[in-house]
Amino acid sequence: MSKLILQIAAKTGSQLWALAPTENLLLKTMVVGIDVFHDTVKMKTSVVGFVASIHPAFTQYYNSVKLQPKSGQEIATSVSSCLGEALTAFFENTKRRFMPEHIIVYRDGVADSQIDAVRQYEVQGMKNIISSFENYNPNFTYIIVNKKTNAKLF
């Protein structure tokens, strides 16, 4: 019976859990995840998936899916607009009280040869969007997860 109650509560917008802020994770932090999917079967389109936390306890999220202009394109040209929308959603979700003080971005699936292009287009585009908000200068961390790694974890 208790699981049924929890499911009903979750579907009506209640928060079932939350992360407490720690010394290393500030209360006003936004965590973003970005990945690009390539249709290898039909070779038709590539799609950018973007998700960002919009609540200080990481219990609510903004997400967006955008089509890439060219099939197979790994550099996500639309992430800056997605970040702008996510920042606005964070601000609205906190009842216009504050913006995140720290933005942590996890970018998956980047080859070694594309890291400079990601830095030039994606990171710079995100910084431009951040600077478009008046009197707003958060800490910004961009973490790239390589496409092919030889690390083995046991």
N, C-alpha and C. Protein backbone atom coordinates (compact mmCIF):
# COMPACT_ATOMS: atom_id res chain seq x y z
N MET A 1 0.81 -1.19 0.00
CA MET A 1 0.00 0.00 0.00
C MET A 1 0.86 1.27 0.00
N SER A 2 2.00 1.23 0.71
CA SER A 2 2.81 2.43 0.81
C SER A 2 3.42 2.83 -0.54
N LYS A 3 3.77 1.86 -1.39
CA LYS A 3 4.32 2.18 -2.71
C LYS A 3 3.26 2.85 -3.58
N LEU A 4 2.04 2.43 -3.46
CA LEU A 4 0.94 3.05 -4.20
C LEU A 4 0.77 4.51 -3.78
N ILE A 5 0.83 4.77 -2.50
CA ILE A 5 0.72 6.14 -1.97
C ILE A 5 1.87 6.99 -2.50
N LEU A 6 3.09 6.43 -2.51
CA LEU A 6 4.25 7.16 -3.01
C LEU A 6 4.09 7.50 -4.49
N GLN A 7 3.58 6.55 -5.28
CA GLN A 7 3.38 6.80 -6.70
C GLN A 7 2.34 7.89 -6.93
N ILE A 8 1.28 7.86 -6.17
CA ILE A 8 0.24 8.91 -6.29
C ILE A 8 0.83 10.26 -5.91
N ALA A 9 1.60 10.29 -4.83
CA ALA A 9 2.21 11.54 -4.39
C ALA A 9 3.17 12.09 -5.45
N ALA A 10 3.97 11.20 -6.05
CA ALA A 10 4.92 11.64 -7.08
C ALA A 10 4.20 12.19 -8.30
N LYS A 11 3.13 11.54 -8.70
CA LYS A 11 2.40 11.99 -9.90
C LYS A 11 1.63 13.28 -9.67
N THR A 12 1.40 13.63 -8.42
CA THR A 12 0.71 14.90 -8.13
C THR A 12 1.68 16.02 -7.81
N GLY A 13 2.99 15.75 -7.98
CA GLY A 13 3.98 16.82 -7.86
C GLY A 13 4.71 16.89 -6.53
N SER A 14 4.49 15.95 -5.64
CA SER A 14 5.20 15.95 -4.35
C SER A 14 6.65 15.52 -4.54
N GLN A 15 7.51 16.00 -3.67
CA GLN A 15 8.91 15.60 -3.70
C GLN A 15 9.10 14.43 -2.76
N LEU A 16 9.49 13.30 -3.29
CA LEU A 16 9.67 12.11 -2.47
C LEU A 16 11.05 12.03 -1.84
N TRP A 17 12.01 12.69 -2.44
CA TRP A 17 13.37 12.68 -1.94
C TRP A 17 14.05 13.96 -2.36
N ALA A 18 15.17 14.26 -1.72
CA ALA A 18 15.95 15.44 -2.07
C ALA A 18 17.39 15.22 -1.61
N LEU A 19 18.32 15.87 -2.27
CA LEU A 19 19.71 15.83 -1.86
C LEU A 19 19.99 17.01 -0.94
N ALA A 20 20.61 16.73 0.15
CA ALA A 20 21.00 17.81 1.06
C ALA A 20 22.28 18.44 0.54
N PRO A 21 22.40 19.77 0.65
CA PRO A 21 23.64 20.41 0.20
C PRO A 21 24.82 19.95 1.05
N THR A 22 25.96 19.82 0.40
CA THR A 22 27.18 19.43 1.10
C THR A 22 28.20 20.54 0.94
N GLU A 23 29.34 20.34 1.54
CA GLU A 23 30.40 21.33 1.46
C GLU A 23 30.86 21.54 0.01
N ASN A 24 30.87 20.46 -0.77
CA ASN A 24 31.36 20.53 -2.15
C ASN A 24 30.25 20.77 -3.18
N LEU A 25 29.00 20.66 -2.77
CA LEU A 25 27.88 20.85 -3.69
C LEU A 25 26.99 21.94 -3.12
N LEU A 26 27.05 23.11 -3.72
CA LEU A 26 26.29 24.25 -3.22
C LEU A 26 24.79 24.05 -3.37
N LEU A 27 24.03 24.73 -2.56
CA LEU A 27 22.57 24.65 -2.61
C LEU A 27 22.03 25.12 -3.96
N LYS A 28 22.60 26.16 -4.49
CA LYS A 28 22.11 26.75 -5.74
C LYS A 28 22.94 26.27 -6.92
N THR A 29 22.89 24.96 -7.19
CA THR A 29 23.66 24.35 -8.26
C THR A 29 22.73 23.77 -9.31
N MET A 30 23.08 23.94 -10.57
CA MET A 30 22.37 23.32 -11.68
C MET A 30 23.29 22.28 -12.30
N VAL A 31 22.78 21.06 -12.47
CA VAL A 31 23.55 20.01 -13.12
C VAL A 31 22.91 19.76 -14.49
N VAL A 32 23.74 19.77 -15.53
CA VAL A 32 23.27 19.63 -16.91
C VAL A 32 23.91 18.39 -17.53
N GLY A 33 23.13 17.67 -18.31
CA GLY A 33 23.65 16.53 -19.07
C GLY A 33 23.33 16.70 -20.54
N ILE A 34 24.32 16.45 -21.41
CA ILE A 34 24.14 16.62 -22.86
C ILE A 34 24.70 15.39 -23.57
N ASP A 35 23.96 14.89 -24.55
CA ASP A 35 24.45 13.80 -25.38
C ASP A 35 23.85 13.96 -26.77
N VAL A 36 24.54 13.44 -27.76
CA VAL A 36 24.06 13.47 -29.14
C VAL A 36 23.87 12.02 -29.59
N PHE A 37 22.68 11.73 -30.10
CA PHE A 37 22.35 10.40 -30.61
C PHE A 37 22.41 10.43 -32.13
N HIS A 38 23.04 9.42 -32.71
CA HIS A 38 23.13 9.31 -34.17
C HIS A 38 22.38 8.06 -34.62
N ASP A 39 21.50 8.21 -35.56
CA ASP A 39 20.76 7.08 -36.12
C ASP A 39 21.69 6.34 -37.07
N THR A 40 22.26 5.24 -36.60
CA THR A 40 23.23 4.51 -37.43
C THR A 40 22.56 3.55 -38.40
N VAL A 41 21.28 3.27 -38.22
CA VAL A 41 20.57 2.35 -39.11
C VAL A 41 20.10 3.07 -40.36
N LYS A 42 19.34 4.12 -40.19
CA LYS A 42 18.78 4.85 -41.33
C LYS A 42 19.65 6.01 -41.79
N MET A 43 20.62 6.40 -40.98
CA MET A 43 21.51 7.53 -41.29
C MET A 43 20.73 8.80 -41.63
N LYS A 44 19.64 8.99 -40.92
CA LYS A 44 18.77 10.14 -41.22
C LYS A 44 19.14 11.37 -40.40
N THR A 45 19.02 11.28 -39.10
CA THR A 45 19.19 12.47 -38.28
C THR A 45 20.04 12.19 -37.05
N SER A 46 20.60 13.25 -36.52
CA SER A 46 21.27 13.21 -35.23
C SER A 46 20.45 14.10 -34.30
N VAL A 47 20.35 13.68 -33.04
CA VAL A 47 19.48 14.37 -32.09
C VAL A 47 20.27 14.72 -30.84
N VAL A 48 20.10 15.96 -30.36
CA VAL A 48 20.72 16.41 -29.12
C VAL A 48 19.73 16.21 -27.99
N GLY A 49 20.18 15.53 -26.94
CA GLY A 49 19.39 15.41 -25.72
C GLY A 49 20.00 16.30 -24.66
N PHE A 50 19.16 17.12 -24.02
CA PHE A 50 19.63 18.09 -23.02
C PHE A 50 18.72 17.98 -21.81
N VAL A 51 19.30 17.85 -20.62
CA VAL A 51 18.52 17.83 -19.38
C VAL A 51 19.26 18.66 -18.34
N ALA A 52 18.50 19.39 -17.51
CA ALA A 52 19.10 20.23 -16.48
C ALA A 52 18.22 20.24 -15.24
N SER A 53 18.85 20.21 -14.08
CA SER A 53 18.09 20.32 -12.84
C SER A 53 17.61 21.77 -12.69
N ILE A 54 16.36 21.94 -12.26
CA ILE A 54 15.82 23.30 -12.09
C ILE A 54 15.30 23.50 -10.68
N HIS A 55 15.78 22.68 -9.75
CA HIS A 55 15.39 22.81 -8.35
C HIS A 55 16.65 22.62 -7.50
N PRO A 56 16.84 23.40 -6.46
CA PRO A 56 18.05 23.29 -5.64
C PRO A 56 18.27 21.90 -5.03
N ALA A 57 17.21 21.12 -4.82
CA ALA A 57 17.34 19.77 -4.26
C ALA A 57 17.41 18.71 -5.35
N PHE A 58 17.54 19.12 -6.60
CA PHE A 58 17.65 18.22 -7.76
C PHE A 58 16.44 17.30 -7.90
N THR A 59 15.26 17.83 -7.67
CA THR A 59 14.05 17.02 -7.73
C THR A 59 13.17 17.35 -8.93
N GLN A 60 13.53 18.38 -9.67
CA GLN A 60 12.77 18.74 -10.87
C GLN A 60 13.74 19.06 -11.99
N TYR A 61 13.29 18.79 -13.23
CA TYR A 61 14.21 18.90 -14.36
C TYR A 61 13.55 19.57 -15.56
N TYR A 62 14.40 20.24 -16.32
CA TYR A 62 14.02 20.77 -17.63
C TYR A 62 14.68 19.85 -18.64
N ASN A 63 13.99 19.52 -19.73
CA ASN A 63 14.63 18.72 -20.77
C ASN A 63 14.21 19.23 -22.14
N SER A 64 15.08 18.96 -23.09
CA SER A 64 14.83 19.40 -24.46
C SER A 64 15.51 18.44 -25.42
N VAL A 65 14.88 18.27 -26.57
CA VAL A 65 15.44 17.44 -27.64
C VAL A 65 15.46 18.30 -28.89
N LYS A 66 16.61 18.40 -29.54
CA LYS A 66 16.74 19.21 -30.75
C LYS A 66 17.38 18.37 -31.86
N LEU A 67 16.90 18.56 -33.08
CA LEU A 67 17.50 17.90 -34.24
C LEU A 67 18.73 18.68 -34.70
N GLN A 68 19.77 17.94 -35.04
CA GLN A 68 20.97 18.56 -35.57
C GLN A 68 20.75 18.94 -37.04
N PRO A 69 21.40 20.00 -37.51
CA PRO A 69 21.25 20.39 -38.91
C PRO A 69 21.74 19.32 -39.90
N LYS A 70 22.82 18.58 -39.51
CA LYS A 70 23.37 17.56 -40.39
C LYS A 70 23.44 16.23 -39.66
N SER A 71 23.20 15.15 -40.37
CA SER A 71 23.32 13.81 -39.80
C SER A 71 24.77 13.53 -39.46
N GLY A 72 25.01 12.93 -38.30
CA GLY A 72 26.37 12.59 -37.88
C GLY A 72 27.12 13.72 -37.21
N GLN A 73 26.50 14.87 -37.07
CA GLN A 73 27.16 16.03 -36.47
C GLN A 73 27.22 15.86 -34.96
N GLU A 74 28.42 15.85 -34.38
CA GLU A 74 28.59 15.63 -32.94
C GLU A 74 28.54 16.95 -32.16
N ILE A 75 28.98 18.04 -32.76
CA ILE A 75 28.97 19.32 -32.06
C ILE A 75 27.53 19.80 -31.99
N ALA A 76 27.04 19.97 -30.78
CA ALA A 76 25.63 20.34 -30.56
C ALA A 76 25.48 21.85 -30.70
N THR A 77 24.88 22.28 -31.79
CA THR A 77 24.76 23.70 -32.08
C THR A 77 23.65 24.38 -31.28
N SER A 78 22.77 23.61 -30.66
CA SER A 78 21.61 24.21 -29.99
C SER A 78 21.72 24.23 -28.47
N VAL A 79 22.87 23.83 -27.91
CA VAL A 79 22.95 23.74 -26.45
C VAL A 79 22.88 25.10 -25.76
N SER A 80 23.35 26.15 -26.42
CA SER A 80 23.30 27.46 -25.77
C SER A 80 21.86 27.92 -25.58
N SER A 81 21.01 27.71 -26.58
CA SER A 81 19.61 28.09 -26.41
C SER A 81 18.93 27.21 -25.37
N CYS A 82 19.29 25.93 -25.33
CA CYS A 82 18.74 25.02 -24.31
C CYS A 82 19.14 25.49 -22.91
N LEU A 83 20.39 25.91 -22.74
CA LEU A 83 20.84 26.39 -21.44
C LEU A 83 20.09 27.65 -21.04
N GLY A 84 19.87 28.56 -21.99
CA GLY A 84 19.12 29.77 -21.69
C GLY A 84 17.71 29.44 -21.22
N GLU A 85 17.06 28.49 -21.89
CA GLU A 85 15.72 28.07 -21.48
C GLU A 85 15.75 27.40 -20.11
N ALA A 86 16.78 26.60 -19.83
CA ALA A 86 16.90 25.93 -18.54
C ALA A 86 17.14 26.93 -17.41
N LEU A 87 17.96 27.94 -17.65
CA LEU A 87 18.20 28.96 -16.64
C LEU A 87 16.92 29.74 -16.32
N THR A 88 16.16 30.05 -17.36
CA THR A 88 14.88 30.73 -17.16
C THR A 88 13.93 29.83 -16.36
N ALA A 89 13.91 28.53 -16.68
CA ALA A 89 13.05 27.58 -15.96
C ALA A 89 13.49 27.46 -14.50
N PHE A 90 14.79 27.47 -14.24
CA PHE A 90 15.30 27.42 -12.86
C PHE A 90 14.82 28.64 -12.09
N PHE A 91 14.96 29.81 -12.70
CA PHE A 91 14.55 31.07 -12.07
C PHE A 91 13.06 31.08 -11.78
N GLU A 92 12.26 30.65 -12.74
CA GLU A 92 10.80 30.59 -12.56
C GLU A 92 10.42 29.55 -11.50
N ASN A 93 11.11 28.41 -11.51
CA ASN A 93 10.80 27.34 -10.58
C ASN A 93 11.12 27.71 -9.13
N THR A 94 12.10 28.59 -8.93
CA THR A 94 12.43 29.06 -7.58
C THR A 94 11.66 30.33 -7.24
N LYS A 95 10.56 30.53 -7.93
CA LYS A 95 9.67 31.68 -7.71
C LYS A 95 10.40 33.01 -7.85
N ARG A 96 11.30 33.04 -8.84
CA ARG A 96 12.06 34.24 -9.21
C ARG A 96 12.92 34.78 -8.06
N ARG A 97 13.36 33.88 -7.18
CA ARG A 97 14.18 34.30 -6.05
C ARG A 97 15.67 34.30 -6.36
N PHE A 98 16.13 33.31 -7.14
CA PHE A 98 17.56 33.22 -7.42
C PHE A 98 17.83 32.36 -8.64
N MET A 99 19.05 32.51 -9.14
CA MET A 99 19.58 31.71 -10.25
C MET A 99 20.65 30.78 -9.66
N PRO A 100 21.04 29.74 -10.39
CA PRO A 100 22.10 28.86 -9.86
C PRO A 100 23.43 29.60 -9.75
N GLU A 101 24.15 29.32 -8.66
CA GLU A 101 25.46 29.93 -8.46
C GLU A 101 26.57 29.09 -9.09
N HIS A 102 26.24 27.84 -9.38
CA HIS A 102 27.22 26.96 -10.00
C HIS A 102 26.50 26.10 -11.04
N ILE A 103 27.04 26.03 -12.24
CA ILE A 103 26.49 25.20 -13.31
C ILE A 103 27.53 24.14 -13.65
N ILE A 104 27.14 22.87 -13.53
CA ILE A 104 28.02 21.75 -13.85
C ILE A 104 27.44 21.05 -15.07
N VAL A 105 28.22 20.98 -16.15
CA VAL A 105 27.76 20.37 -17.40
C VAL A 105 28.54 19.09 -17.64
N TYR A 106 27.81 17.99 -17.86
CA TYR A 106 28.41 16.72 -18.27
C TYR A 106 28.09 16.52 -19.74
N ARG A 107 29.13 16.45 -20.56
CA ARG A 107 28.95 16.29 -22.00
C ARG A 107 29.49 14.93 -22.40
N ASP A 108 28.63 14.07 -22.91
CA ASP A 108 29.01 12.70 -23.22
C ASP A 108 29.31 12.53 -24.70
N GLY A 109 30.18 11.59 -25.01
CA GLY A 109 30.39 11.14 -26.38
C GLY A 109 31.18 12.06 -27.27
N VAL A 110 32.27 12.64 -26.76
CA VAL A 110 33.09 13.52 -27.58
C VAL A 110 34.42 12.83 -27.86
N ALA A 111 34.80 12.77 -29.11
CA ALA A 111 36.09 12.18 -29.49
C ALA A 111 37.21 13.17 -29.19
N ASP A 112 38.42 12.65 -29.03
CA ASP A 112 39.58 13.50 -28.76
C ASP A 112 39.75 14.58 -29.81
N SER A 113 39.50 14.24 -31.05
CA SER A 113 39.68 15.21 -32.14
C SER A 113 38.63 16.32 -32.13
N GLN A 114 37.58 16.17 -31.35
CA GLN A 114 36.51 17.17 -31.35
C GLN A 114 36.49 18.05 -30.10
N ILE A 115 37.39 17.82 -29.18
CA ILE A 115 37.38 18.57 -27.92
C ILE A 115 37.56 20.06 -28.17
N ASP A 116 38.48 20.45 -29.06
CA ASP A 116 38.67 21.88 -29.34
C ASP A 116 37.43 22.50 -29.97
N ALA A 117 36.76 21.76 -30.85
CA ALA A 117 35.54 22.28 -31.47
C ALA A 117 34.43 22.43 -30.43
N VAL A 118 34.34 21.49 -29.50
CA VAL A 118 33.35 21.60 -28.42
C VAL A 118 33.64 22.84 -27.58
N ARG A 119 34.90 23.05 -27.27
CA ARG A 119 35.29 24.23 -26.48
C ARG A 119 34.93 25.51 -27.24
N GLN A 120 35.21 25.53 -28.53
CA GLN A 120 34.97 26.73 -29.33
C GLN A 120 33.49 27.02 -29.52
N TYR A 121 32.67 26.02 -29.80
CA TYR A 121 31.27 26.26 -30.13
C TYR A 121 30.33 26.08 -28.93
N GLU A 122 30.38 24.92 -28.29
CA GLU A 122 29.43 24.65 -27.21
C GLU A 122 29.73 25.46 -25.96
N VAL A 123 30.97 25.37 -25.47
CA VAL A 123 31.31 26.06 -24.22
C VAL A 123 31.20 27.57 -24.41
N GLN A 124 31.74 28.08 -25.51
CA GLN A 124 31.68 29.53 -25.72
C GLN A 124 30.23 29.99 -25.90
N GLY A 125 29.41 29.19 -26.58
CA GLY A 125 28.00 29.54 -26.74
C GLY A 125 27.28 29.59 -25.41
N MET A 126 27.58 28.63 -24.54
CA MET A 126 26.96 28.63 -23.21
C MET A 126 27.41 29.84 -22.39
N LYS A 127 28.69 30.16 -22.47
CA LYS A 127 29.18 31.34 -21.74
C LYS A 127 28.52 32.62 -22.27
N ASN A 128 28.30 32.68 -23.58
CA ASN A 128 27.62 33.85 -24.14
C ASN A 128 26.19 33.97 -23.62
N ILE A 129 25.49 32.84 -23.53
CA ILE A 129 24.12 32.86 -22.99
C ILE A 129 24.13 33.30 -21.54
N ILE A 130 25.06 32.78 -20.76
CA ILE A 130 25.15 33.15 -19.34
C ILE A 130 25.39 34.65 -19.21
N SER A 131 26.28 35.19 -20.03
CA SER A 131 26.58 36.63 -19.94
C SER A 131 25.44 37.50 -20.42
N SER A 132 24.47 36.91 -21.14
CA SER A 132 23.32 37.71 -21.59
C SER A 132 22.34 38.02 -20.45
N PHE A 133 22.46 37.29 -19.33
CA PHE A 133 21.65 37.59 -18.14
C PHE A 133 22.35 38.70 -17.36
N GLU A 134 21.63 39.74 -17.06
CA GLU A 134 22.19 40.92 -16.42
C GLU A 134 22.68 40.61 -15.00
N ASN A 135 23.90 41.06 -14.67
CA ASN A 135 24.51 40.89 -13.34
C ASN A 135 24.53 39.43 -12.89
N TYR A 136 24.85 38.53 -13.80
CA TYR A 136 24.86 37.11 -13.48
C TYR A 136 26.18 36.51 -13.92
N ASN A 137 26.92 35.94 -12.96
CA ASN A 137 28.23 35.37 -13.24
C ASN A 137 28.46 34.13 -12.38
N PRO A 138 27.84 32.99 -12.74
CA PRO A 138 28.01 31.79 -11.91
C PRO A 138 29.33 31.09 -12.19
N ASN A 139 29.71 30.18 -11.28
CA ASN A 139 30.82 29.27 -11.56
C ASN A 139 30.33 28.31 -12.64
N PHE A 140 31.22 27.97 -13.56
CA PHE A 140 30.83 27.14 -14.70
C PHE A 140 31.85 26.02 -14.86
N THR A 141 31.40 24.77 -14.75
CA THR A 141 32.26 23.61 -14.91
C THR A 141 31.75 22.77 -16.07
N TYR A 142 32.63 22.45 -17.02
CA TYR A 142 32.25 21.67 -18.20
C TYR A 142 33.09 20.41 -18.21
N ILE A 143 32.45 19.26 -18.06
CA ILE A 143 33.15 17.98 -17.99
C ILE A 143 32.83 17.18 -19.24
N ILE A 144 33.88 16.77 -19.96
CA ILE A 144 33.70 16.00 -21.18
C ILE A 144 34.02 14.54 -20.90
N VAL A 145 33.10 13.66 -21.29
CA VAL A 145 33.33 12.22 -21.19
C VAL A 145 33.73 11.75 -22.58
N ASN A 146 34.94 11.21 -22.69
CA ASN A 146 35.44 10.78 -24.00
C ASN A 146 34.60 9.67 -24.61
N LYS A 147 34.59 9.65 -25.93
CA LYS A 147 33.83 8.64 -26.66
C LYS A 147 34.42 7.25 -26.50
N LYS A 148 35.70 7.13 -26.64
CA LYS A 148 36.35 5.82 -26.54
C LYS A 148 37.42 5.89 -25.47
N THR A 149 37.20 5.18 -24.39
CA THR A 149 38.20 5.14 -23.32
C THR A 149 38.68 3.71 -23.16
N ASN A 150 39.91 3.57 -22.73
CA ASN A 150 40.47 2.26 -22.48
C ASN A 150 40.46 1.89 -21.01
N ALA A 151 39.90 2.76 -20.18
CA ALA A 151 39.86 2.51 -18.73
C ALA A 151 38.87 1.37 -18.44
N LYS A 152 39.30 0.50 -17.56
CA LYS A 152 38.44 -0.60 -17.14
C LYS A 152 38.26 -0.51 -15.63
N LEU A 153 37.03 -0.53 -15.22
CA LEU A 153 36.73 -0.45 -13.79
C LEU A 153 36.20 -1.79 -13.32
N PHE A 154 36.73 -2.26 -12.22
CA PHE A 154 36.31 -3.55 -11.67
C PHE A 154 35.71 -3.35 -10.29
